[in-house]
N, C-alpha and C. Protein backbone atom coordinates (compact mmCIF):
# COMPACT_ATOMS: atom_id res chain seq x y z
N MET A 1 96.19 117.29 95.69
CA MET A 1 96.57 118.05 96.87
C MET A 1 97.86 118.77 96.55
N ASN A 2 97.89 120.05 96.77
CA ASN A 2 99.07 120.85 96.54
C ASN A 2 99.68 121.28 97.86
N ASP A 3 100.87 120.79 98.15
CA ASP A 3 101.65 121.20 99.31
C ASP A 3 100.79 121.53 100.53
N PRO A 4 100.27 120.51 101.20
CA PRO A 4 99.41 120.77 102.36
C PRO A 4 100.17 121.45 103.49
N ARG A 5 99.46 122.29 104.22
CA ARG A 5 100.06 122.97 105.37
C ARG A 5 100.01 122.06 106.59
N HIS A 6 101.12 122.00 107.28
CA HIS A 6 101.22 121.25 108.52
C HIS A 6 101.58 122.22 109.63
N PRO A 7 100.84 122.21 110.74
CA PRO A 7 101.20 123.10 111.83
C PRO A 7 102.59 122.80 112.39
N GLU A 8 103.28 123.83 112.78
CA GLU A 8 104.55 123.65 113.47
C GLU A 8 104.24 123.00 114.83
N PRO A 9 105.19 122.27 115.41
CA PRO A 9 104.91 121.64 116.71
C PRO A 9 104.38 122.62 117.76
N SER A 10 104.89 123.84 117.78
CA SER A 10 104.43 124.81 118.78
C SER A 10 103.00 125.28 118.51
N GLU A 11 102.49 125.07 117.31
CA GLU A 11 101.13 125.47 116.95
C GLU A 11 100.09 124.38 117.26
N ILE A 12 100.55 123.19 117.60
CA ILE A 12 99.63 122.09 117.89
C ILE A 12 99.01 122.33 119.26
N THR A 13 97.69 122.40 119.31
CA THR A 13 97.02 122.67 120.58
C THR A 13 96.28 121.44 121.07
N LEU A 14 96.18 121.34 122.38
CA LEU A 14 95.51 120.21 123.01
C LEU A 14 94.04 120.14 122.57
N THR A 15 93.38 121.26 122.50
CA THR A 15 91.95 121.24 122.15
C THR A 15 91.74 120.74 120.73
N ARG A 16 92.60 121.13 119.80
CA ARG A 16 92.46 120.65 118.41
C ARG A 16 92.76 119.17 118.31
N VAL A 17 93.78 118.72 119.03
CA VAL A 17 94.13 117.29 119.01
C VAL A 17 92.97 116.46 119.58
N LEU A 18 92.45 116.87 120.73
CA LEU A 18 91.36 116.12 121.35
C LEU A 18 90.10 116.15 120.48
N ALA A 19 89.81 117.29 119.87
CA ALA A 19 88.64 117.39 118.99
C ALA A 19 88.81 116.46 117.80
N ALA A 20 90.00 116.43 117.21
CA ALA A 20 90.24 115.57 116.05
C ALA A 20 90.12 114.10 116.42
N LEU A 21 90.56 113.75 117.62
CA LEU A 21 90.53 112.35 118.04
C LEU A 21 89.20 111.93 118.65
N SER A 22 88.23 112.82 118.65
CA SER A 22 86.92 112.48 119.23
C SER A 22 86.07 111.64 118.28
N ASP A 23 86.51 111.47 117.05
CA ASP A 23 85.77 110.66 116.08
C ASP A 23 86.39 109.26 116.00
N PRO A 24 85.57 108.20 116.05
CA PRO A 24 86.10 106.84 116.03
C PRO A 24 86.90 106.49 114.77
N ILE A 25 86.51 107.04 113.62
CA ILE A 25 87.25 106.75 112.39
C ILE A 25 88.64 107.39 112.46
N ARG A 26 88.70 108.63 112.90
CA ARG A 26 90.00 109.29 113.01
C ARG A 26 90.88 108.62 114.06
N LEU A 27 90.28 108.21 115.16
CA LEU A 27 91.05 107.49 116.17
C LEU A 27 91.53 106.15 115.61
N GLY A 28 90.72 105.53 114.78
CA GLY A 28 91.14 104.28 114.13
C GLY A 28 92.31 104.48 113.19
N VAL A 29 92.31 105.58 112.45
CA VAL A 29 93.45 105.89 111.57
C VAL A 29 94.71 106.07 112.41
N VAL A 30 94.58 106.79 113.52
CA VAL A 30 95.73 107.01 114.40
C VAL A 30 96.21 105.68 114.99
N ARG A 31 95.29 104.83 115.40
CA ARG A 31 95.68 103.49 115.90
C ARG A 31 96.48 102.75 114.84
N LEU A 32 96.02 102.82 113.61
CA LEU A 32 96.69 102.13 112.51
C LEU A 32 98.09 102.69 112.26
N LEU A 33 98.22 104.00 112.34
CA LEU A 33 99.51 104.65 112.07
C LEU A 33 100.45 104.61 113.27
N ALA A 34 99.96 104.20 114.42
CA ALA A 34 100.77 104.18 115.64
C ALA A 34 101.95 103.21 115.55
N ASP A 35 101.93 102.31 114.55
CA ASP A 35 103.05 101.39 114.39
C ASP A 35 104.27 102.06 113.76
N GLY A 36 104.12 103.35 113.39
CA GLY A 36 105.25 104.10 112.83
C GLY A 36 105.38 104.00 111.33
N GLN A 37 104.56 103.20 110.70
CA GLN A 37 104.61 103.03 109.24
C GLN A 37 103.92 104.18 108.53
N GLU A 38 104.49 104.60 107.43
CA GLU A 38 103.83 105.55 106.55
C GLU A 38 102.91 104.72 105.65
N ARG A 39 101.70 105.20 105.44
CA ARG A 39 100.71 104.47 104.65
C ARG A 39 100.22 105.34 103.49
N GLY A 40 99.99 104.70 102.35
CA GLY A 40 99.36 105.38 101.24
C GLY A 40 97.87 105.51 101.52
N TRP A 41 97.28 106.64 101.12
CA TRP A 41 95.86 106.83 101.37
C TRP A 41 95.05 105.70 100.77
N GLY A 42 95.46 105.20 99.62
CA GLY A 42 94.73 104.12 98.96
C GLY A 42 94.77 102.80 99.71
N GLU A 43 95.68 102.65 100.65
CA GLU A 43 95.77 101.43 101.46
C GLU A 43 94.78 101.41 102.61
N LEU A 44 94.30 102.58 103.00
CA LEU A 44 93.44 102.68 104.17
C LEU A 44 92.02 102.24 103.84
N ARG A 45 91.45 101.42 104.71
CA ARG A 45 90.07 100.95 104.56
C ARG A 45 89.29 101.33 105.81
N ALA A 46 88.16 102.00 105.59
CA ALA A 46 87.29 102.41 106.70
C ALA A 46 85.85 102.30 106.22
N PRO A 47 84.92 102.13 107.15
CA PRO A 47 83.50 101.98 106.78
C PRO A 47 82.83 103.32 106.45
N VAL A 48 83.51 104.12 105.61
CA VAL A 48 82.98 105.40 105.15
C VAL A 48 83.37 105.57 103.69
N ALA A 49 82.72 106.50 103.01
CA ALA A 49 83.06 106.80 101.63
C ALA A 49 84.48 107.36 101.55
N LYS A 50 85.11 107.21 100.39
CA LYS A 50 86.47 107.72 100.22
C LYS A 50 86.55 109.22 100.48
N SER A 51 85.53 109.96 100.06
CA SER A 51 85.54 111.41 100.29
C SER A 51 85.47 111.72 101.78
N THR A 52 84.73 110.92 102.52
CA THR A 52 84.63 111.12 103.97
C THR A 52 85.96 110.78 104.64
N LEU A 53 86.60 109.70 104.19
CA LEU A 53 87.91 109.34 104.73
C LEU A 53 88.92 110.45 104.43
N SER A 54 88.84 111.02 103.25
CA SER A 54 89.72 112.12 102.89
C SER A 54 89.51 113.31 103.84
N HIS A 55 88.27 113.59 104.17
CA HIS A 55 87.97 114.66 105.13
C HIS A 55 88.58 114.34 106.49
N HIS A 56 88.44 113.11 106.95
CA HIS A 56 89.01 112.72 108.25
C HIS A 56 90.54 112.89 108.24
N LEU A 57 91.18 112.53 107.14
CA LEU A 57 92.63 112.69 107.04
C LEU A 57 93.03 114.16 107.08
N LYS A 58 92.23 115.01 106.47
CA LYS A 58 92.50 116.46 106.50
C LYS A 58 92.36 117.00 107.93
N VAL A 59 91.35 116.55 108.65
CA VAL A 59 91.16 117.00 110.04
C VAL A 59 92.38 116.60 110.89
N LEU A 60 92.85 115.38 110.71
CA LEU A 60 94.03 114.92 111.46
C LEU A 60 95.26 115.74 111.10
N ARG A 61 95.44 116.03 109.81
CA ARG A 61 96.58 116.83 109.38
C ARG A 61 96.50 118.25 109.94
N ASP A 62 95.33 118.86 109.81
CA ASP A 62 95.16 120.24 110.28
C ASP A 62 95.37 120.37 111.79
N ALA A 63 95.07 119.31 112.54
CA ALA A 63 95.27 119.33 113.99
C ALA A 63 96.73 119.08 114.37
N GLY A 64 97.54 118.68 113.39
CA GLY A 64 98.95 118.41 113.67
C GLY A 64 99.24 116.98 114.09
N ILE A 65 98.26 116.11 113.92
CA ILE A 65 98.41 114.72 114.35
C ILE A 65 99.14 113.88 113.30
N THR A 66 98.91 114.18 112.04
CA THR A 66 99.56 113.44 110.96
C THR A 66 100.31 114.39 110.04
N ARG A 67 101.19 113.80 109.25
CA ARG A 67 101.90 114.53 108.20
C ARG A 67 101.60 113.82 106.89
N THR A 68 101.21 114.60 105.90
CA THR A 68 100.88 114.07 104.58
C THR A 68 101.99 114.44 103.60
N ARG A 69 102.33 113.48 102.76
CA ARG A 69 103.38 113.69 101.75
C ARG A 69 102.83 113.22 100.41
N GLN A 70 103.05 114.03 99.38
CA GLN A 70 102.61 113.64 98.05
C GLN A 70 103.81 113.20 97.23
N GLU A 71 103.61 112.11 96.49
CA GLU A 71 104.65 111.59 95.60
C GLU A 71 103.96 111.26 94.28
N GLY A 72 104.14 112.12 93.31
CA GLY A 72 103.42 111.96 92.06
C GLY A 72 101.93 112.14 92.31
N THR A 73 101.16 111.13 91.93
CA THR A 73 99.71 111.20 92.15
C THR A 73 99.29 110.52 93.44
N ARG A 74 100.22 109.97 94.18
CA ARG A 74 99.90 109.26 95.41
C ARG A 74 100.17 110.12 96.64
N CYS A 75 99.34 109.94 97.66
CA CYS A 75 99.52 110.64 98.94
C CYS A 75 99.81 109.62 100.03
N PHE A 76 100.70 109.99 100.91
CA PHE A 76 101.09 109.12 102.02
C PHE A 76 100.88 109.88 103.32
N VAL A 77 100.59 109.14 104.37
CA VAL A 77 100.32 109.75 105.67
C VAL A 77 101.07 108.98 106.75
N ARG A 78 101.53 109.73 107.74
CA ARG A 78 102.19 109.11 108.90
C ARG A 78 101.82 109.89 110.14
N LEU A 79 101.92 109.24 111.27
CA LEU A 79 101.63 109.86 112.56
C LEU A 79 102.81 110.72 112.99
N ARG A 80 102.54 111.90 113.50
CA ARG A 80 103.59 112.79 114.02
C ARG A 80 103.81 112.49 115.50
N ARG A 81 104.12 111.26 115.80
CA ARG A 81 104.22 110.80 117.17
C ARG A 81 105.27 111.55 117.97
N ASP A 82 106.43 111.80 117.39
CA ASP A 82 107.48 112.51 118.13
C ASP A 82 107.04 113.92 118.50
N ASP A 83 106.44 114.62 117.53
CA ASP A 83 105.96 115.98 117.81
C ASP A 83 104.89 115.97 118.89
N LEU A 84 103.97 115.01 118.81
CA LEU A 84 102.88 114.93 119.78
C LEU A 84 103.41 114.55 121.17
N ASP A 85 104.35 113.62 121.21
CA ASP A 85 104.91 113.20 122.50
C ASP A 85 105.73 114.33 123.15
N THR A 86 106.39 115.13 122.34
CA THR A 86 107.15 116.27 122.87
C THR A 86 106.19 117.31 123.43
N ARG A 87 105.14 117.57 122.68
CA ARG A 87 104.18 118.61 123.06
C ARG A 87 103.30 118.18 124.24
N PHE A 88 102.85 116.91 124.21
CA PHE A 88 101.93 116.39 125.24
C PHE A 88 102.42 115.01 125.70
N PRO A 89 103.41 114.97 126.58
CA PRO A 89 103.99 113.70 127.01
C PRO A 89 102.93 112.70 127.51
N GLN A 90 103.01 111.51 127.02
CA GLN A 90 102.16 110.37 127.40
C GLN A 90 100.70 110.46 126.94
N LEU A 91 100.30 111.56 126.31
CA LEU A 91 98.91 111.68 125.87
C LEU A 91 98.56 110.61 124.85
N MET A 92 99.38 110.47 123.81
CA MET A 92 99.07 109.50 122.76
C MET A 92 99.08 108.08 123.30
N ALA A 93 100.03 107.76 124.15
CA ALA A 93 100.09 106.42 124.73
C ALA A 93 98.82 106.11 125.50
N ALA A 94 98.36 107.06 126.29
CA ALA A 94 97.14 106.86 127.08
C ALA A 94 95.91 106.73 126.18
N LEU A 95 95.77 107.61 125.20
CA LEU A 95 94.62 107.55 124.30
C LEU A 95 94.60 106.25 123.50
N LEU A 96 95.75 105.86 123.00
CA LEU A 96 95.82 104.62 122.22
C LEU A 96 95.52 103.39 123.07
N ALA A 97 96.01 103.37 124.29
CA ALA A 97 95.75 102.23 125.18
C ALA A 97 94.25 102.08 125.44
N VAL A 98 93.57 103.18 125.71
CA VAL A 98 92.13 103.12 125.96
C VAL A 98 91.38 102.75 124.68
N ALA A 99 91.79 103.31 123.54
CA ALA A 99 91.13 102.99 122.27
C ALA A 99 91.24 101.51 121.95
N VAL A 100 92.41 100.95 122.17
CA VAL A 100 92.61 99.51 121.92
C VAL A 100 91.77 98.69 122.90
N ALA A 101 91.81 99.03 124.17
CA ALA A 101 91.05 98.29 125.18
C ALA A 101 89.55 98.33 124.91
N ASP A 102 89.05 99.47 124.42
CA ASP A 102 87.62 99.62 124.16
C ASP A 102 87.23 99.24 122.73
N GLY A 103 88.21 98.92 121.88
CA GLY A 103 87.91 98.54 120.50
C GLY A 103 87.51 99.70 119.62
N VAL A 104 87.81 100.91 120.03
CA VAL A 104 87.46 102.10 119.23
C VAL A 104 88.35 102.16 117.98
N GLY A 105 87.72 102.28 116.84
CA GLY A 105 88.47 102.42 115.58
C GLY A 105 89.01 101.14 115.01
N GLU A 106 88.63 100.00 115.55
CA GLU A 106 89.20 98.74 115.05
C GLU A 106 88.72 98.38 113.66
N ASP A 107 87.69 99.07 113.15
CA ASP A 107 87.21 98.78 111.81
C ASP A 107 87.98 99.56 110.73
N VAL A 108 88.99 100.32 111.13
CA VAL A 108 89.89 100.97 110.16
C VAL A 108 91.07 100.04 109.98
N THR A 109 91.31 99.63 108.73
CA THR A 109 92.32 98.64 108.44
C THR A 109 93.18 99.06 107.23
N VAL A 110 94.13 98.21 106.89
CA VAL A 110 94.97 98.41 105.72
C VAL A 110 94.59 97.35 104.69
N ALA A 111 94.50 97.76 103.44
CA ALA A 111 94.17 96.83 102.36
C ALA A 111 95.27 95.78 102.23
N GLY A 112 94.85 94.62 101.85
CA GLY A 112 95.85 93.62 101.55
C GLY A 112 95.80 92.46 102.40
């Protein structure tokens, strides 16, 4: 991955965020990252092929939900919670609360 593009906070739209979070795997990744920790892509475990997980991470990045950072050959991802909370107050809190209550995305985990 070469210097991925991240939307500026003002470019993050509600429709793109909601579309990106409409998939249970992507919502699971967001649930996992909601603790504020940056995670290496290799640490993420989901019931999909690695290429499919990579696609889901790209969708989240393109929607402005996550920020990806490359360090050597490794890629790291974190939730852009501050940007999202500024742009859409309480949206992430509400979505995460419902996802946890309904068990959506609970099969996305961290290795180890």
